[in-house]
Amino acid sequence: MYKIDKTDVQIINLLMDDGRMNASEVARAVGNISERAVRYRIDRMVENDIIKISAVVNPKALGINVVADVWLACDADAIMDVARRMAELPNISYVACSIGETDVSVQILARDTAEVYRFVTEVIGKSPGVRKTTTSIVPLVLKDVYQWRIPQGVVEE
């Protein structure tokens, strides 16, 4: 398991606020650390899959204003096949296998509710192995995975 310290968390939080911040700016903001040490820590965290530095698209800026969560009940022998097919579809931003009443959960991004309806009924609902779908429109997202911060209990002293 990777050990993360307070300096790593400071670096991560700065990069979460501005992923384009260069190592010298991060070093100045953290204080008491060199630019070289910051670069080393960032490289080490990227190599260990602790962080990933990438662009985050804002779907609303592109006119994609509707988010819907869809839960799929699948044939027992088709769960992974269904999940993999869903992951290939461009309208879907999230795919996970679950345990409970449903087998796969997905999140759809669409321009309007009509597009959600068409996609759920014509694409997901007709996909081999899918027995039933349950859809909820998500009118407001307060926190998303790219906004998640490392909890204090994970940090090494």
N, C-alpha and C. Protein backbone atom coordinates (compact mmCIF):
# COMPACT_ATOMS: atom_id res chain seq x y z
N MET A 1 0.84 -1.18 0.00
CA MET A 1 0.00 0.00 0.00
C MET A 1 0.88 1.25 0.00
N TYR A 2 0.48 2.24 -0.76
CA TYR A 2 1.23 3.49 -0.89
C TYR A 2 1.03 4.34 0.37
N LYS A 3 2.10 4.88 0.90
CA LYS A 3 2.03 5.76 2.06
C LYS A 3 2.00 7.21 1.58
N ILE A 4 1.00 7.95 2.01
CA ILE A 4 0.85 9.34 1.58
C ILE A 4 1.02 10.23 2.80
N ASP A 5 1.74 11.34 2.64
CA ASP A 5 1.93 12.24 3.78
C ASP A 5 1.27 13.59 3.52
N LYS A 6 1.39 14.48 4.50
CA LYS A 6 0.72 15.79 4.41
C LYS A 6 1.20 16.61 3.21
N THR A 7 2.48 16.50 2.87
CA THR A 7 3.02 17.24 1.73
C THR A 7 2.40 16.72 0.43
N ASP A 8 2.28 15.39 0.31
CA ASP A 8 1.62 14.83 -0.87
C ASP A 8 0.19 15.36 -0.99
N VAL A 9 -0.53 15.39 0.13
CA VAL A 9 -1.91 15.88 0.12
C VAL A 9 -1.96 17.34 -0.30
N GLN A 10 -1.04 18.15 0.19
CA GLN A 10 -0.99 19.56 -0.21
C GLN A 10 -0.77 19.68 -1.72
N ILE A 11 0.15 18.89 -2.24
CA ILE A 11 0.44 18.92 -3.68
C ILE A 11 -0.81 18.50 -4.47
N ILE A 12 -1.43 17.41 -4.04
CA ILE A 12 -2.64 16.92 -4.72
C ILE A 12 -3.73 17.98 -4.70
N ASN A 13 -3.97 18.59 -3.55
CA ASN A 13 -5.03 19.60 -3.45
C ASN A 13 -4.75 20.80 -4.35
N LEU A 14 -3.51 21.22 -4.44
CA LEU A 14 -3.16 22.32 -5.34
C LEU A 14 -3.41 21.94 -6.80
N LEU A 15 -3.03 20.72 -7.17
CA LEU A 15 -3.24 20.27 -8.55
C LEU A 15 -4.72 20.07 -8.85
N MET A 16 -5.51 19.68 -7.84
CA MET A 16 -6.95 19.55 -8.05
C MET A 16 -7.58 20.92 -8.33
N ASP A 17 -7.05 21.94 -7.69
CA ASP A 17 -7.56 23.30 -7.92
C ASP A 17 -7.11 23.83 -9.27
N ASP A 18 -5.90 23.47 -9.69
CA ASP A 18 -5.38 23.91 -10.98
C ASP A 18 -4.37 22.89 -11.48
N GLY A 19 -4.81 21.97 -12.30
CA GLY A 19 -3.96 20.91 -12.82
C GLY A 19 -2.84 21.39 -13.72
N ARG A 20 -2.90 22.66 -14.14
CA ARG A 20 -1.85 23.22 -15.00
C ARG A 20 -0.73 23.87 -14.19
N MET A 21 -0.88 23.90 -12.87
CA MET A 21 0.14 24.52 -12.02
C MET A 21 1.46 23.76 -12.18
N ASN A 22 2.54 24.50 -12.43
CA ASN A 22 3.83 23.83 -12.62
C ASN A 22 4.50 23.58 -11.26
N ALA A 23 5.54 22.76 -11.28
CA ALA A 23 6.21 22.33 -10.05
C ALA A 23 6.77 23.49 -9.23
N SER A 24 7.27 24.51 -9.89
CA SER A 24 7.82 25.65 -9.13
C SER A 24 6.72 26.41 -8.40
N GLU A 25 5.55 26.55 -9.04
CA GLU A 25 4.42 27.20 -8.37
C GLU A 25 3.92 26.36 -7.20
N VAL A 26 3.87 25.06 -7.39
CA VAL A 26 3.46 24.17 -6.31
C VAL A 26 4.44 24.26 -5.15
N ALA A 27 5.72 24.25 -5.44
CA ALA A 27 6.75 24.34 -4.39
C ALA A 27 6.60 25.63 -3.59
N ARG A 28 6.38 26.75 -4.28
CA ARG A 28 6.18 28.02 -3.57
C ARG A 28 4.94 27.98 -2.68
N ALA A 29 3.85 27.40 -3.20
CA ALA A 29 2.60 27.35 -2.44
C ALA A 29 2.70 26.43 -1.23
N VAL A 30 3.41 25.31 -1.37
CA VAL A 30 3.56 24.37 -0.25
C VAL A 30 4.56 24.94 0.75
N GLY A 31 5.64 25.52 0.25
CA GLY A 31 6.68 26.08 1.11
C GLY A 31 7.57 24.99 1.66
N ASN A 32 8.83 25.30 1.89
CA ASN A 32 9.79 24.39 2.50
C ASN A 32 9.97 23.09 1.70
N ILE A 33 9.85 23.17 0.37
CA ILE A 33 10.09 22.03 -0.51
C ILE A 33 10.59 22.57 -1.85
N SER A 34 11.51 21.84 -2.46
CA SER A 34 12.09 22.30 -3.72
C SER A 34 11.20 21.90 -4.90
N GLU A 35 11.41 22.59 -6.01
CA GLU A 35 10.71 22.26 -7.25
C GLU A 35 11.02 20.82 -7.67
N ARG A 36 12.28 20.43 -7.52
CA ARG A 36 12.70 19.07 -7.88
C ARG A 36 11.97 18.03 -7.03
N ALA A 37 11.83 18.29 -5.74
CA ALA A 37 11.13 17.36 -4.84
C ALA A 37 9.65 17.26 -5.21
N VAL A 38 9.06 18.39 -5.60
CA VAL A 38 7.66 18.38 -6.03
C VAL A 38 7.51 17.52 -7.28
N ARG A 39 8.39 17.72 -8.27
CA ARG A 39 8.33 16.91 -9.49
C ARG A 39 8.48 15.42 -9.18
N TYR A 40 9.41 15.09 -8.29
CA TYR A 40 9.62 13.70 -7.90
C TYR A 40 8.35 13.12 -7.26
N ARG A 41 7.75 13.86 -6.35
CA ARG A 41 6.54 13.38 -5.67
C ARG A 41 5.39 13.21 -6.66
N ILE A 42 5.22 14.17 -7.55
CA ILE A 42 4.14 14.06 -8.55
C ILE A 42 4.38 12.84 -9.43
N ASP A 43 5.60 12.68 -9.93
CA ASP A 43 5.93 11.53 -10.78
C ASP A 43 5.67 10.22 -10.03
N ARG A 44 6.08 10.15 -8.78
CA ARG A 44 5.90 8.94 -7.98
C ARG A 44 4.41 8.63 -7.77
N MET A 45 3.60 9.66 -7.50
CA MET A 45 2.17 9.44 -7.30
C MET A 45 1.48 9.03 -8.59
N VAL A 46 1.91 9.58 -9.72
CA VAL A 46 1.35 9.18 -11.01
C VAL A 46 1.72 7.73 -11.31
N GLU A 47 2.99 7.37 -11.13
CA GLU A 47 3.46 6.01 -11.39
C GLU A 47 2.75 4.98 -10.52
N ASN A 48 2.37 5.35 -9.30
CA ASN A 48 1.71 4.43 -8.37
C ASN A 48 0.19 4.51 -8.45
N ASP A 49 -0.33 5.19 -9.47
CA ASP A 49 -1.78 5.33 -9.68
C ASP A 49 -2.50 5.99 -8.51
N ILE A 50 -1.81 6.85 -7.78
CA ILE A 50 -2.45 7.62 -6.71
C ILE A 50 -3.20 8.79 -7.33
N ILE A 51 -2.60 9.42 -8.32
CA ILE A 51 -3.25 10.53 -9.03
C ILE A 51 -3.11 10.32 -10.53
N LYS A 52 -3.99 11.00 -11.23
CA LYS A 52 -3.95 11.04 -12.68
C LYS A 52 -4.18 12.50 -13.05
N ILE A 53 -3.35 13.05 -13.87
CA ILE A 53 -3.49 14.44 -14.26
C ILE A 53 -4.09 14.46 -15.66
N SER A 54 -5.29 15.04 -15.77
CA SER A 54 -5.98 15.06 -17.05
C SER A 54 -6.99 16.19 -17.08
N ALA A 55 -7.55 16.41 -18.25
CA ALA A 55 -8.59 17.43 -18.40
C ALA A 55 -9.93 16.82 -17.98
N VAL A 56 -10.80 17.64 -17.39
CA VAL A 56 -12.15 17.21 -17.03
C VAL A 56 -13.11 18.03 -17.88
N VAL A 57 -13.91 17.33 -18.69
CA VAL A 57 -14.85 17.98 -19.58
C VAL A 57 -16.09 18.42 -18.80
N ASN A 58 -16.61 19.61 -19.12
CA ASN A 58 -17.85 20.10 -18.54
C ASN A 58 -18.96 19.88 -19.56
N PRO A 59 -19.76 18.81 -19.39
CA PRO A 59 -20.79 18.50 -20.39
C PRO A 59 -21.79 19.63 -20.59
N LYS A 60 -22.12 20.37 -19.53
CA LYS A 60 -23.11 21.45 -19.64
C LYS A 60 -22.64 22.54 -20.59
N ALA A 61 -21.35 22.77 -20.64
CA ALA A 61 -20.81 23.78 -21.55
C ALA A 61 -21.00 23.37 -23.01
N LEU A 62 -21.25 22.09 -23.24
CA LEU A 62 -21.46 21.57 -24.59
C LEU A 62 -22.94 21.34 -24.89
N GLY A 63 -23.81 21.80 -23.99
CA GLY A 63 -25.24 21.64 -24.20
C GLY A 63 -25.79 20.30 -23.75
N ILE A 64 -24.99 19.56 -23.03
CA ILE A 64 -25.43 18.27 -22.49
C ILE A 64 -25.85 18.52 -21.05
N ASN A 65 -27.15 18.77 -20.87
CA ASN A 65 -27.65 19.28 -19.60
C ASN A 65 -28.35 18.27 -18.70
N VAL A 66 -28.60 17.08 -19.20
CA VAL A 66 -29.36 16.10 -18.42
C VAL A 66 -28.46 14.93 -18.03
N VAL A 67 -28.52 14.59 -16.74
CA VAL A 67 -27.82 13.44 -16.21
C VAL A 67 -28.87 12.46 -15.71
N ALA A 68 -28.69 11.19 -16.02
CA ALA A 68 -29.62 10.16 -15.54
C ALA A 68 -28.83 8.96 -15.04
N ASP A 69 -29.27 8.44 -13.91
CA ASP A 69 -28.72 7.19 -13.39
C ASP A 69 -29.66 6.07 -13.84
N VAL A 70 -29.09 5.00 -14.34
CA VAL A 70 -29.89 3.86 -14.80
C VAL A 70 -29.32 2.60 -14.15
N TRP A 71 -30.23 1.83 -13.53
CA TRP A 71 -29.86 0.57 -12.92
C TRP A 71 -30.39 -0.55 -13.79
N LEU A 72 -29.55 -1.54 -14.06
CA LEU A 72 -29.90 -2.63 -14.97
C LEU A 72 -29.95 -3.95 -14.22
N ALA A 73 -31.05 -4.65 -14.38
CA ALA A 73 -31.13 -6.04 -13.93
C ALA A 73 -30.79 -6.88 -15.16
N CYS A 74 -29.83 -7.79 -14.99
CA CYS A 74 -29.31 -8.55 -16.13
C CYS A 74 -29.45 -10.04 -15.90
N ASP A 75 -29.38 -10.79 -16.99
CA ASP A 75 -29.28 -12.24 -16.87
C ASP A 75 -27.98 -12.55 -16.14
N ALA A 76 -28.01 -13.54 -15.26
CA ALA A 76 -26.86 -13.85 -14.40
C ALA A 76 -25.57 -14.09 -15.18
N ASP A 77 -25.68 -14.74 -16.33
CA ASP A 77 -24.48 -15.06 -17.10
C ASP A 77 -24.05 -13.95 -18.06
N ALA A 78 -24.75 -12.80 -18.01
CA ALA A 78 -24.46 -11.73 -18.96
C ALA A 78 -24.00 -10.44 -18.29
N ILE A 79 -23.86 -10.43 -16.99
CA ILE A 79 -23.58 -9.18 -16.26
C ILE A 79 -22.32 -8.49 -16.78
N MET A 80 -21.20 -9.19 -16.85
CA MET A 80 -19.95 -8.56 -17.29
C MET A 80 -20.00 -8.16 -18.76
N ASP A 81 -20.65 -8.97 -19.59
CA ASP A 81 -20.78 -8.61 -21.00
C ASP A 81 -21.60 -7.33 -21.16
N VAL A 82 -22.70 -7.24 -20.41
CA VAL A 82 -23.53 -6.03 -20.45
C VAL A 82 -22.72 -4.83 -19.98
N ALA A 83 -22.02 -4.97 -18.86
CA ALA A 83 -21.23 -3.86 -18.32
C ALA A 83 -20.18 -3.40 -19.32
N ARG A 84 -19.50 -4.32 -19.93
CA ARG A 84 -18.47 -3.96 -20.92
C ARG A 84 -19.06 -3.25 -22.13
N ARG A 85 -20.23 -3.72 -22.60
CA ARG A 85 -20.88 -3.05 -23.74
C ARG A 85 -21.31 -1.64 -23.35
N MET A 86 -21.82 -1.48 -22.15
CA MET A 86 -22.25 -0.15 -21.70
C MET A 86 -21.05 0.80 -21.62
N ALA A 87 -19.92 0.29 -21.18
CA ALA A 87 -18.71 1.12 -21.05
C ALA A 87 -18.22 1.64 -22.40
N GLU A 88 -18.59 0.99 -23.48
CA GLU A 88 -18.17 1.42 -24.81
C GLU A 88 -19.06 2.52 -25.40
N LEU A 89 -20.20 2.76 -24.79
CA LEU A 89 -21.15 3.72 -25.36
C LEU A 89 -20.79 5.15 -24.97
N PRO A 90 -20.75 6.07 -25.93
CA PRO A 90 -20.30 7.43 -25.65
C PRO A 90 -21.24 8.24 -24.75
N ASN A 91 -22.52 7.94 -24.71
CA ASN A 91 -23.45 8.68 -23.85
C ASN A 91 -23.28 8.33 -22.38
N ILE A 92 -22.57 7.26 -22.10
CA ILE A 92 -22.45 6.77 -20.73
C ILE A 92 -21.13 7.25 -20.13
N SER A 93 -21.22 7.89 -18.95
CA SER A 93 -20.04 8.44 -18.30
C SER A 93 -19.53 7.57 -17.15
N TYR A 94 -20.34 6.61 -16.71
CA TYR A 94 -19.99 5.80 -15.54
C TYR A 94 -20.64 4.44 -15.69
N VAL A 95 -19.89 3.38 -15.39
CA VAL A 95 -20.41 2.02 -15.40
C VAL A 95 -19.83 1.28 -14.20
N ALA A 96 -20.70 0.59 -13.47
CA ALA A 96 -20.23 -0.21 -12.33
C ALA A 96 -21.10 -1.45 -12.18
N CYS A 97 -20.49 -2.53 -11.73
CA CYS A 97 -21.25 -3.72 -11.36
C CYS A 97 -21.61 -3.57 -9.89
N SER A 98 -22.79 -4.03 -9.54
CA SER A 98 -23.25 -3.85 -8.16
C SER A 98 -23.79 -5.16 -7.62
N ILE A 99 -23.99 -5.19 -6.32
CA ILE A 99 -24.56 -6.34 -5.64
C ILE A 99 -25.82 -5.84 -4.95
N GLY A 100 -26.91 -6.51 -5.19
CA GLY A 100 -28.17 -6.08 -4.59
C GLY A 100 -29.31 -6.30 -5.56
N GLU A 101 -30.23 -5.35 -5.60
CA GLU A 101 -31.41 -5.49 -6.46
C GLU A 101 -31.07 -5.41 -7.95
N THR A 102 -30.02 -4.68 -8.29
CA THR A 102 -29.63 -4.57 -9.69
C THR A 102 -28.20 -5.05 -9.87
N ASP A 103 -27.82 -5.27 -11.11
CA ASP A 103 -26.52 -5.86 -11.41
C ASP A 103 -25.50 -4.87 -11.94
N VAL A 104 -25.98 -3.88 -12.69
CA VAL A 104 -25.09 -2.89 -13.31
C VAL A 104 -25.73 -1.52 -13.13
N SER A 105 -24.91 -0.53 -12.82
CA SER A 105 -25.42 0.85 -12.78
C SER A 105 -24.61 1.68 -13.77
N VAL A 106 -25.31 2.58 -14.46
CA VAL A 106 -24.67 3.45 -15.44
C VAL A 106 -25.18 4.87 -15.25
N GLN A 107 -24.41 5.81 -15.72
CA GLN A 107 -24.86 7.20 -15.73
C GLN A 107 -24.82 7.69 -17.17
N ILE A 108 -25.93 8.30 -17.58
CA ILE A 108 -26.08 8.79 -18.95
C ILE A 108 -25.99 10.31 -18.95
N LEU A 109 -25.32 10.86 -19.95
CA LEU A 109 -25.30 12.29 -20.19
C LEU A 109 -26.05 12.54 -21.50
N ALA A 110 -27.01 13.48 -21.48
CA ALA A 110 -27.83 13.71 -22.67
C ALA A 110 -28.21 15.19 -22.78
N ARG A 111 -28.68 15.58 -23.96
CA ARG A 111 -29.11 16.97 -24.18
C ARG A 111 -30.45 17.26 -23.51
N ASP A 112 -31.34 16.27 -23.50
CA ASP A 112 -32.67 16.47 -22.91
C ASP A 112 -33.25 15.14 -22.46
N THR A 113 -34.40 15.18 -21.81
CA THR A 113 -35.02 13.95 -21.30
C THR A 113 -35.49 13.04 -22.44
N ALA A 114 -35.85 13.60 -23.57
CA ALA A 114 -36.24 12.78 -24.71
C ALA A 114 -35.07 11.91 -25.17
N GLU A 115 -33.88 12.48 -25.16
CA GLU A 115 -32.70 11.71 -25.54
C GLU A 115 -32.42 10.61 -24.52
N VAL A 116 -32.63 10.90 -23.23
CA VAL A 116 -32.47 9.87 -22.19
C VAL A 116 -33.46 8.74 -22.45
N TYR A 117 -34.72 9.09 -22.68
CA TYR A 117 -35.76 8.08 -22.91
C TYR A 117 -35.42 7.20 -24.11
N ARG A 118 -35.04 7.83 -25.20
CA ARG A 118 -34.68 7.08 -26.40
C ARG A 118 -33.50 6.15 -26.14
N PHE A 119 -32.49 6.66 -25.46
CA PHE A 119 -31.29 5.87 -25.21
C PHE A 119 -31.59 4.67 -24.29
N VAL A 120 -32.38 4.91 -23.25
CA VAL A 120 -32.71 3.82 -22.32
C VAL A 120 -33.58 2.77 -23.00
N THR A 121 -34.58 3.20 -23.75
CA THR A 121 -35.50 2.23 -24.35
C THR A 121 -34.94 1.56 -25.60
N GLU A 122 -34.24 2.31 -26.43
CA GLU A 122 -33.78 1.77 -27.71
C GLU A 122 -32.39 1.15 -27.66
N VAL A 123 -31.54 1.63 -26.78
CA VAL A 123 -30.16 1.12 -26.73
C VAL A 123 -29.97 0.19 -25.54
N ILE A 124 -30.13 0.73 -24.33
CA ILE A 124 -29.88 -0.09 -23.15
C ILE A 124 -30.92 -1.20 -23.02
N GLY A 125 -32.19 -0.85 -23.10
CA GLY A 125 -33.26 -1.83 -22.90
C GLY A 125 -33.26 -2.96 -23.90
N LYS A 126 -32.72 -2.72 -25.09
CA LYS A 126 -32.68 -3.76 -26.13
C LYS A 126 -31.34 -4.48 -26.19
N SER A 127 -30.46 -4.16 -25.27
CA SER A 127 -29.14 -4.80 -25.25
C SER A 127 -29.28 -6.24 -24.74
N PRO A 128 -28.66 -7.19 -25.42
CA PRO A 128 -28.75 -8.59 -24.99
C PRO A 128 -28.29 -8.76 -23.54
N GLY A 129 -29.10 -9.48 -22.77
CA GLY A 129 -28.76 -9.75 -21.37
C GLY A 129 -29.41 -8.80 -20.39
N VAL A 130 -29.96 -7.68 -20.87
CA VAL A 130 -30.63 -6.72 -19.99
C VAL A 130 -32.10 -7.14 -19.85
N ARG A 131 -32.54 -7.38 -18.63
CA ARG A 131 -33.92 -7.79 -18.38
C ARG A 131 -34.82 -6.62 -18.00
N LYS A 132 -34.26 -5.65 -17.27
CA LYS A 132 -35.07 -4.54 -16.75
C LYS A 132 -34.18 -3.34 -16.49
N THR A 133 -34.73 -2.14 -16.69
CA THR A 133 -34.01 -0.91 -16.35
C THR A 133 -34.86 -0.07 -15.42
N THR A 134 -34.20 0.69 -14.56
CA THR A 134 -34.84 1.67 -13.70
C THR A 134 -34.05 2.96 -13.85
N THR A 135 -34.73 4.04 -14.20
CA THR A 135 -34.05 5.30 -14.52
C THR A 135 -34.47 6.40 -13.56
N SER A 136 -33.48 7.21 -13.14
CA SER A 136 -33.75 8.41 -12.34
C SER A 136 -33.00 9.57 -12.97
N ILE A 137 -33.70 10.68 -13.16
CA ILE A 137 -33.05 11.91 -13.63
C ILE A 137 -32.35 12.54 -12.42
N VAL A 138 -31.14 13.02 -12.63
CA VAL A 138 -30.34 13.64 -11.57
C VAL A 138 -30.35 15.15 -11.81
N PRO A 139 -31.19 15.90 -11.08
CA PRO A 139 -31.28 17.34 -11.34
C PRO A 139 -30.11 18.15 -10.78
N LEU A 140 -29.38 17.60 -9.80
CA LEU A 140 -28.33 18.38 -9.15
C LEU A 140 -27.24 17.45 -8.64
N VAL A 141 -26.00 17.72 -8.99
CA VAL A 141 -24.85 16.98 -8.47
C VAL A 141 -24.08 17.93 -7.56
N LEU A 142 -23.95 17.57 -6.30
CA LEU A 142 -23.25 18.42 -5.35
C LEU A 142 -21.76 18.11 -5.26
N LYS A 143 -21.39 16.87 -5.53
CA LYS A 143 -20.00 16.46 -5.46
C LYS A 143 -19.79 15.31 -6.42
N ASP A 144 -18.69 15.35 -7.16
CA ASP A 144 -18.36 14.28 -8.09
C ASP A 144 -16.99 13.73 -7.74
N VAL A 145 -16.61 12.63 -8.33
CA VAL A 145 -15.37 11.94 -7.97
C VAL A 145 -14.14 12.84 -8.14
N TYR A 146 -14.13 13.69 -9.14
CA TYR A 146 -12.96 14.55 -9.34
C TYR A 146 -12.88 15.66 -8.29
N GLN A 147 -13.87 15.79 -7.43
CA GLN A 147 -13.85 16.76 -6.34
C GLN A 147 -13.53 16.11 -5.00
N TRP A 148 -13.40 14.79 -4.97
CA TRP A 148 -13.14 14.05 -3.74
C TRP A 148 -11.76 14.40 -3.21
N ARG A 149 -11.67 14.70 -1.92
CA ARG A 149 -10.39 15.02 -1.28
C ARG A 149 -9.98 13.87 -0.36
N ILE A 150 -8.70 13.69 -0.19
CA ILE A 150 -8.17 12.60 0.63
C ILE A 150 -8.53 12.86 2.10
N PRO A 151 -9.19 11.90 2.75
CA PRO A 151 -9.56 12.09 4.15
C PRO A 151 -8.32 12.09 5.06
N GLN A 152 -8.42 12.79 6.15
CA GLN A 152 -7.29 12.93 7.09
C GLN A 152 -6.80 11.58 7.60
N GLY A 153 -7.69 10.61 7.81
CA GLY A 153 -7.30 9.32 8.35
C GLY A 153 -6.40 8.50 7.45
N VAL A 154 -6.26 8.86 6.19
CA VAL A 154 -5.42 8.13 5.23
C VAL A 154 -3.99 8.65 5.26
N VAL A 155 -3.78 9.86 5.77
CA VAL A 155 -2.48 10.52 5.73
C VAL A 155 -1.55 9.99 6.81
N GLU A 156 -0.32 9.64 6.42
CA GLU A 156 0.72 9.22 7.35
C GLU A 156 1.33 10.44 8.03
N GLU A 157 1.62 10.30 9.28
CA GLU A 157 2.25 11.42 10.02
C GLU A 157 3.73 11.49 9.76
